[in-house]
Amino acid sequence: MIINDKLSEELGIVILAAGSGKWRFADDDAGKVRYSEPPQYW
């Protein structure tokens, strides 16, 4: 799924490392890192 900058801001998503898929929500602890799911090809 691709989202734009306005939607990511509305959802409170903070991009930590775009290339490796690291992100967190704005209200997560500073040390919390979430990872994007790998792509699924159909």
N, C-alpha and C. Protein backbone atom coordinates (compact mmCIF):
# COMPACT_ATOMS: atom_id res chain seq x y z
N MET A 1 0.85 -1.16 0.00
CA MET A 1 0.00 0.00 0.00
C MET A 1 0.90 1.23 0.00
N ILE A 2 0.51 2.19 -0.74
CA ILE A 2 1.24 3.45 -0.79
C ILE A 2 0.35 4.53 -0.22
N ILE A 3 0.90 5.32 0.70
CA ILE A 3 0.15 6.45 1.25
C ILE A 3 0.95 7.72 1.03
N ASN A 4 0.26 8.84 0.98
CA ASN A 4 0.96 10.10 0.76
C ASN A 4 1.32 10.77 2.08
N ASP A 5 2.03 11.88 1.99
CA ASP A 5 2.51 12.57 3.18
C ASP A 5 1.38 13.10 4.06
N LYS A 6 0.31 13.56 3.46
CA LYS A 6 -0.82 14.09 4.25
C LYS A 6 -1.49 12.99 5.06
N LEU A 7 -1.70 11.84 4.44
CA LEU A 7 -2.33 10.73 5.16
C LEU A 7 -1.43 10.21 6.27
N SER A 8 -0.14 10.08 6.00
CA SER A 8 0.77 9.59 7.04
C SER A 8 0.80 10.54 8.23
N GLU A 9 0.71 11.84 7.96
CA GLU A 9 0.67 12.82 9.05
C GLU A 9 -0.63 12.68 9.84
N GLU A 10 -1.75 12.52 9.15
CA GLU A 10 -3.04 12.34 9.82
C GLU A 10 -3.07 11.08 10.68
N LEU A 11 -2.39 10.03 10.23
CA LEU A 11 -2.34 8.77 10.98
C LEU A 11 -1.28 8.79 12.08
N GLY A 12 -0.44 9.83 12.10
CA GLY A 12 0.59 9.95 13.13
C GLY A 12 1.78 9.04 12.88
N ILE A 13 2.09 8.77 11.60
CA ILE A 13 3.20 7.88 11.26
C ILE A 13 4.48 8.69 11.13
N VAL A 14 5.52 8.24 11.80
CA VAL A 14 6.83 8.86 11.74
C VAL A 14 7.77 7.90 11.02
N ILE A 15 8.32 8.32 9.88
CA ILE A 15 9.24 7.49 9.11
C ILE A 15 10.62 7.59 9.73
N LEU A 16 11.17 6.46 10.14
CA LEU A 16 12.52 6.43 10.71
C LEU A 16 13.56 6.12 9.65
N ALA A 17 13.28 5.17 8.78
CA ALA A 17 14.18 4.78 7.69
C ALA A 17 13.33 4.22 6.56
N ALA A 18 13.10 5.04 5.55
CA ALA A 18 12.18 4.66 4.47
C ALA A 18 12.66 3.45 3.68
N GLY A 19 13.93 3.37 3.39
CA GLY A 19 14.46 2.28 2.57
C GLY A 19 14.34 0.92 3.22
N SER A 20 14.53 0.85 4.52
CA SER A 20 14.45 -0.44 5.21
C SER A 20 13.09 -0.64 5.88
N GLY A 21 12.17 0.31 5.74
CA GLY A 21 10.82 0.14 6.24
C GLY A 21 10.66 0.29 7.74
N LYS A 22 11.47 1.10 8.37
CA LYS A 22 11.36 1.32 9.81
C LYS A 22 10.51 2.56 10.07
N TRP A 23 9.53 2.43 10.98
CA TRP A 23 8.65 3.53 11.28
C TRP A 23 8.07 3.36 12.68
N ARG A 24 7.37 4.37 13.16
CA ARG A 24 6.64 4.29 14.43
C ARG A 24 5.50 5.30 14.40
N PHE A 25 4.58 5.15 15.33
CA PHE A 25 3.53 6.14 15.50
C PHE A 25 4.07 7.28 16.36
N ALA A 26 3.56 8.47 16.17
CA ALA A 26 4.04 9.65 16.89
C ALA A 26 3.92 9.49 18.40
N ASP A 27 2.93 8.75 18.86
CA ASP A 27 2.75 8.59 20.31
C ASP A 27 3.40 7.32 20.87
N ASP A 28 4.16 6.59 20.05
CA ASP A 28 4.94 5.45 20.55
C ASP A 28 6.12 5.94 21.37
N ASP A 29 6.66 5.08 22.23
CA ASP A 29 7.89 5.40 22.94
C ASP A 29 9.00 5.66 21.92
N ALA A 30 9.95 6.52 22.26
CA ALA A 30 11.02 6.89 21.33
C ALA A 30 11.84 5.69 20.87
N GLY A 31 11.95 4.65 21.69
CA GLY A 31 12.73 3.48 21.33
C GLY A 31 11.96 2.43 20.53
N LYS A 32 10.66 2.64 20.35
CA LYS A 32 9.82 1.68 19.63
C LYS A 32 10.06 1.81 18.13
N VAL A 33 10.36 0.69 17.48
CA VAL A 33 10.54 0.67 16.03
C VAL A 33 9.62 -0.39 15.45
N ARG A 34 8.85 -0.01 14.47
CA ARG A 34 7.97 -0.94 13.76
C ARG A 34 8.57 -1.18 12.38
N TYR A 35 8.23 -2.30 11.79
CA TYR A 35 8.77 -2.66 10.49
C TYR A 35 7.66 -2.92 9.49
N SER A 36 7.85 -2.47 8.27
CA SER A 36 6.88 -2.72 7.21
C SER A 36 6.85 -4.21 6.88
N GLU A 37 5.70 -4.67 6.43
CA GLU A 37 5.56 -6.04 5.96
C GLU A 37 6.23 -6.17 4.61
N PRO A 38 6.81 -7.34 4.31
CA PRO A 38 7.39 -7.53 2.98
C PRO A 38 6.29 -7.52 1.92
N PRO A 39 6.63 -7.15 0.69
CA PRO A 39 5.60 -7.11 -0.36
C PRO A 39 5.03 -8.49 -0.65
N GLN A 40 3.77 -8.51 -1.03
CA GLN A 40 3.11 -9.74 -1.44
C GLN A 40 2.76 -9.60 -2.92
N TYR A 41 3.22 -10.56 -3.71
CA TYR A 41 2.96 -10.53 -5.13
C TYR A 41 1.87 -11.52 -5.46
N TRP A 42 0.84 -11.08 -6.18
CA TRP A 42 -0.29 -11.93 -6.51
C TRP A 42 -0.26 -12.29 -7.96
